[in-house]
Every structure is written in C-alpha cells, then in structure tokens.
N, C-alpha and C. Protein backbone atom coordinates (compact mmCIF):
# COMPACT_ATOMS: atom_id res chain seq x y z
N MET A 1 166.57 144.62 100.35
CA MET A 1 165.63 145.24 101.26
C MET A 1 165.05 144.16 102.16
N ALA A 2 164.99 144.42 103.44
CA ALA A 2 164.47 143.46 104.40
C ALA A 2 162.97 143.59 104.53
N CYS A 3 162.33 142.45 104.73
CA CYS A 3 160.89 142.41 104.97
C CYS A 3 160.67 142.67 106.46
N LYS A 4 159.80 143.60 106.77
CA LYS A 4 159.48 143.88 108.17
C LYS A 4 158.02 143.52 108.38
N CYS A 5 157.80 142.45 109.11
CA CYS A 5 156.45 141.95 109.31
C CYS A 5 156.09 142.04 110.79
N LYS A 6 154.88 142.48 111.06
CA LYS A 6 154.45 142.64 112.44
C LYS A 6 152.95 142.44 112.50
N LYS A 7 152.53 141.61 113.42
CA LYS A 7 151.11 141.44 113.67
C LYS A 7 150.76 142.26 114.90
N LYS A 8 149.52 142.63 115.02
CA LYS A 8 149.08 143.47 116.13
C LYS A 8 149.49 142.85 117.46
N GLY A 9 150.14 143.64 118.29
CA GLY A 9 150.55 143.20 119.61
C GLY A 9 151.78 142.32 119.63
N GLU A 10 152.43 142.12 118.50
CA GLU A 10 153.62 141.28 118.43
C GLU A 10 154.85 142.11 118.09
N LYS A 11 156.00 141.57 118.45
CA LYS A 11 157.27 142.19 118.13
C LYS A 11 157.51 142.09 116.62
N GLU A 12 158.07 143.14 116.05
CA GLU A 12 158.36 143.16 114.62
C GLU A 12 159.44 142.12 114.29
N ILE A 13 159.22 141.36 113.24
CA ILE A 13 160.20 140.38 112.78
C ILE A 13 160.78 140.90 111.47
N LYS A 14 162.08 141.05 111.43
CA LYS A 14 162.75 141.53 110.22
C LYS A 14 163.41 140.35 109.52
N LEU A 15 163.18 140.26 108.23
CA LEU A 15 163.77 139.21 107.42
C LEU A 15 164.59 139.81 106.29
N THR A 16 165.69 139.15 105.98
CA THR A 16 166.44 139.53 104.79
C THR A 16 165.71 138.93 103.59
N GLU A 17 166.07 139.37 102.41
CA GLU A 17 165.45 138.81 101.20
C GLU A 17 165.70 137.31 101.11
N GLU A 18 166.91 136.87 101.49
CA GLU A 18 167.22 135.45 101.44
C GLU A 18 166.40 134.66 102.45
N GLN A 19 166.22 135.20 103.66
CA GLN A 19 165.41 134.51 104.66
C GLN A 19 163.97 134.38 104.17
N GLU A 20 163.45 135.43 103.59
CA GLU A 20 162.08 135.39 103.07
C GLU A 20 161.99 134.36 101.93
N LYS A 21 163.00 134.31 101.09
CA LYS A 21 163.03 133.35 99.99
C LYS A 21 163.02 131.92 100.53
N ILE A 22 163.79 131.68 101.59
CA ILE A 22 163.83 130.35 102.22
C ILE A 22 162.46 129.98 102.76
N LEU A 23 161.84 130.90 103.50
CA LEU A 23 160.52 130.61 104.07
C LEU A 23 159.48 130.34 102.99
N ARG A 24 159.49 131.13 101.94
CA ARG A 24 158.51 130.94 100.85
C ARG A 24 158.72 129.58 100.17
N ALA A 25 159.96 129.21 99.96
CA ALA A 25 160.24 127.91 99.34
C ALA A 25 159.82 126.77 100.26
N MET A 26 160.10 126.91 101.54
CA MET A 26 159.77 125.85 102.49
C MET A 26 158.26 125.72 102.70
N ALA A 27 157.54 126.81 102.53
CA ALA A 27 156.08 126.77 102.67
C ALA A 27 155.46 125.88 101.59
N GLU A 28 156.19 125.70 100.49
CA GLU A 28 155.68 124.89 99.38
C GLU A 28 156.16 123.44 99.45
N MET A 29 157.03 123.13 100.40
CA MET A 29 157.57 121.77 100.54
C MET A 29 156.76 120.99 101.56
N ASP A 30 156.70 119.69 101.36
CA ASP A 30 156.00 118.82 102.30
C ASP A 30 156.98 118.20 103.28
N GLY A 31 156.68 118.35 104.56
CA GLY A 31 157.47 117.70 105.60
C GLY A 31 158.86 118.28 105.76
N PRO A 32 159.62 117.71 106.69
CA PRO A 32 160.99 118.16 106.93
C PRO A 32 161.88 117.91 105.72
N VAL A 33 162.75 118.86 105.43
CA VAL A 33 163.65 118.76 104.27
C VAL A 33 165.08 119.06 104.69
N ALA A 34 166.01 118.58 103.90
CA ALA A 34 167.44 118.79 104.14
C ALA A 34 167.89 120.10 103.50
N SER A 35 169.03 120.58 103.94
CA SER A 35 169.60 121.81 103.40
C SER A 35 169.76 121.75 101.89
N LYS A 36 170.13 120.59 101.38
CA LYS A 36 170.33 120.43 99.93
C LYS A 36 169.04 120.73 99.17
N GLN A 37 167.90 120.28 99.70
CA GLN A 37 166.62 120.54 99.04
C GLN A 37 166.28 122.03 99.10
N ILE A 38 166.59 122.66 100.21
CA ILE A 38 166.34 124.10 100.36
C ILE A 38 167.23 124.85 99.37
N SER A 39 168.47 124.44 99.26
CA SER A 39 169.41 125.06 98.33
C SER A 39 168.92 124.95 96.89
N GLU A 40 168.45 123.78 96.53
CA GLU A 40 167.95 123.56 95.17
C GLU A 40 166.72 124.43 94.88
N ALA A 41 165.86 124.60 95.88
CA ALA A 41 164.63 125.36 95.70
C ALA A 41 164.87 126.87 95.66
N THR A 42 165.91 127.32 96.34
CA THR A 42 166.14 128.76 96.46
C THR A 42 167.31 129.29 95.63
N GLY A 43 168.22 128.41 95.25
CA GLY A 43 169.41 128.85 94.54
C GLY A 43 170.49 129.38 95.47
N ILE A 44 170.26 129.28 96.78
CA ILE A 44 171.25 129.72 97.76
C ILE A 44 172.19 128.54 98.03
N PRO A 45 173.49 128.74 97.93
CA PRO A 45 174.43 127.63 98.16
C PRO A 45 174.25 127.00 99.54
N THR A 46 174.37 125.68 99.60
CA THR A 46 174.20 124.94 100.84
C THR A 46 175.10 125.49 101.95
N LYS A 47 176.32 125.85 101.61
CA LYS A 47 177.27 126.36 102.61
C LYS A 47 176.80 127.68 103.22
N SER A 48 175.99 128.42 102.49
CA SER A 48 175.50 129.72 102.98
C SER A 48 174.21 129.60 103.80
N LEU A 49 173.59 128.43 103.77
CA LEU A 49 172.29 128.28 104.41
C LEU A 49 172.34 128.16 105.93
N SER A 50 173.38 127.60 106.49
CA SER A 50 173.38 127.26 107.91
C SER A 50 173.11 128.47 108.82
N CYS A 51 173.74 129.60 108.57
CA CYS A 51 173.51 130.76 109.44
C CYS A 51 172.12 131.35 109.21
N ARG A 52 171.62 131.27 107.98
CA ARG A 52 170.27 131.78 107.70
C ARG A 52 169.22 130.89 108.35
N ILE A 53 169.43 129.58 108.30
CA ILE A 53 168.51 128.64 108.94
C ILE A 53 168.53 128.83 110.45
N ARG A 54 169.72 128.98 111.03
CA ARG A 54 169.84 129.19 112.48
C ARG A 54 169.09 130.44 112.90
N SER A 55 169.22 131.51 112.14
CA SER A 55 168.53 132.76 112.44
C SER A 55 167.01 132.57 112.39
N LEU A 56 166.53 131.85 111.38
CA LEU A 56 165.09 131.61 111.25
C LEU A 56 164.58 130.71 112.38
N LYS A 57 165.42 129.76 112.81
CA LYS A 57 165.05 128.91 113.96
C LYS A 57 164.96 129.75 115.23
N ASN A 58 165.92 130.66 115.41
CA ASN A 58 165.92 131.52 116.60
C ASN A 58 164.70 132.44 116.66
N LYS A 59 164.17 132.78 115.49
CA LYS A 59 162.98 133.63 115.42
C LYS A 59 161.69 132.83 115.53
N GLY A 60 161.82 131.48 115.60
CA GLY A 60 160.66 130.62 115.72
C GLY A 60 159.94 130.38 114.41
N LEU A 61 160.62 130.62 113.29
CA LEU A 61 160.00 130.49 111.98
C LEU A 61 160.31 129.16 111.30
N LEU A 62 161.37 128.50 111.76
CA LEU A 62 161.73 127.16 111.31
C LEU A 62 161.92 126.28 112.51
N ASP A 63 161.72 124.98 112.30
CA ASP A 63 161.93 123.99 113.35
C ASP A 63 162.81 122.89 112.77
N SER A 64 163.45 122.14 113.63
CA SER A 64 164.28 121.02 113.20
C SER A 64 163.80 119.77 113.94
N PRO A 65 162.78 119.09 113.39
CA PRO A 65 162.20 117.93 114.06
C PRO A 65 163.10 116.69 114.03
N ALA A 66 164.07 116.67 113.13
CA ALA A 66 165.03 115.57 113.03
C ALA A 66 166.38 116.17 112.67
N ARG A 67 167.44 115.45 112.99
CA ARG A 67 168.79 115.94 112.74
C ARG A 67 168.95 116.30 111.26
N CYS A 68 169.39 117.52 111.02
CA CYS A 68 169.68 118.03 109.67
C CYS A 68 168.44 118.11 108.78
N LYS A 69 167.27 118.16 109.36
CA LYS A 69 166.02 118.33 108.61
C LYS A 69 165.30 119.54 109.17
N TYR A 70 164.66 120.29 108.30
CA TYR A 70 164.02 121.54 108.72
C TYR A 70 162.62 121.63 108.13
N GLU A 71 161.74 122.30 108.86
CA GLU A 71 160.40 122.56 108.35
C GLU A 71 159.94 123.92 108.86
N ILE A 72 159.07 124.52 108.11
CA ILE A 72 158.54 125.84 108.45
C ILE A 72 157.50 125.68 109.57
N THR A 73 157.50 126.61 110.50
CA THR A 73 156.52 126.58 111.58
C THR A 73 155.25 127.31 111.13
N GLU A 74 154.21 127.20 111.94
CA GLU A 74 152.97 127.92 111.65
C GLU A 74 153.22 129.42 111.62
N ALA A 75 154.06 129.90 112.54
CA ALA A 75 154.41 131.32 112.58
C ALA A 75 155.12 131.73 111.28
N GLY A 76 155.98 130.87 110.77
CA GLY A 76 156.67 131.14 109.51
C GLY A 76 155.69 131.21 108.35
N ARG A 77 154.73 130.29 108.34
CA ARG A 77 153.72 130.27 107.27
C ARG A 77 152.88 131.55 107.31
N GLN A 78 152.49 131.95 108.50
CA GLN A 78 151.69 133.16 108.63
C GLN A 78 152.47 134.38 108.18
N LEU A 79 153.75 134.42 108.48
CA LEU A 79 154.56 135.57 108.14
C LEU A 79 154.66 135.77 106.63
N VAL A 80 154.74 134.69 105.88
CA VAL A 80 154.85 134.79 104.42
C VAL A 80 153.51 134.59 103.72
N GLY A 81 152.47 134.49 104.50
CA GLY A 81 151.13 134.38 103.93
C GLY A 81 150.86 133.07 103.23
N ALA A 82 151.47 132.00 103.72
CA ALA A 82 151.27 130.67 103.09
C ALA A 82 150.22 129.86 103.83
C-alpha cells in the first residue's frame, strides 16, 4: 500500500512502502550516507535502491550533496514526521 501524503495547498506525494522505509531509515541517520548503509538499514538490496533513490530525489525528498552519498531533505523529514 502506498503512502499518500499531502499538506494544505501542496501537491499530493505518493510513496511506495519501500520509499517510505528508505525515508524513515534516512531520517535516523546522520549526514550523507552511501547506498550500502541505506541497504543495511532497510534490508532492501543495494541493486534495487538506485531507482527508488532517483524517484525520491525527483520528488525533492532526498538530496545528493556528494557523489554516491544521499541525505534526506527537510521536505522528506516533514513527510515522514521526523
């Protein structure tokens, strides 16, 4: 089941269970992290993460401040209540 989150006056953001799991795990991590760390925290295989991370970046929920490193944005934190 997908999470459908919407704040007043904003476009609805739909997340898959895996995307929500990634955001929740990343909200608990400090600083930019590699795919391997995300995989370890979520149980999602590293090979499966790239398209999910790209989708979350396109929605403005993740950022990539350094090559192959990712961090949750403020919008991502708000969406998962972190």
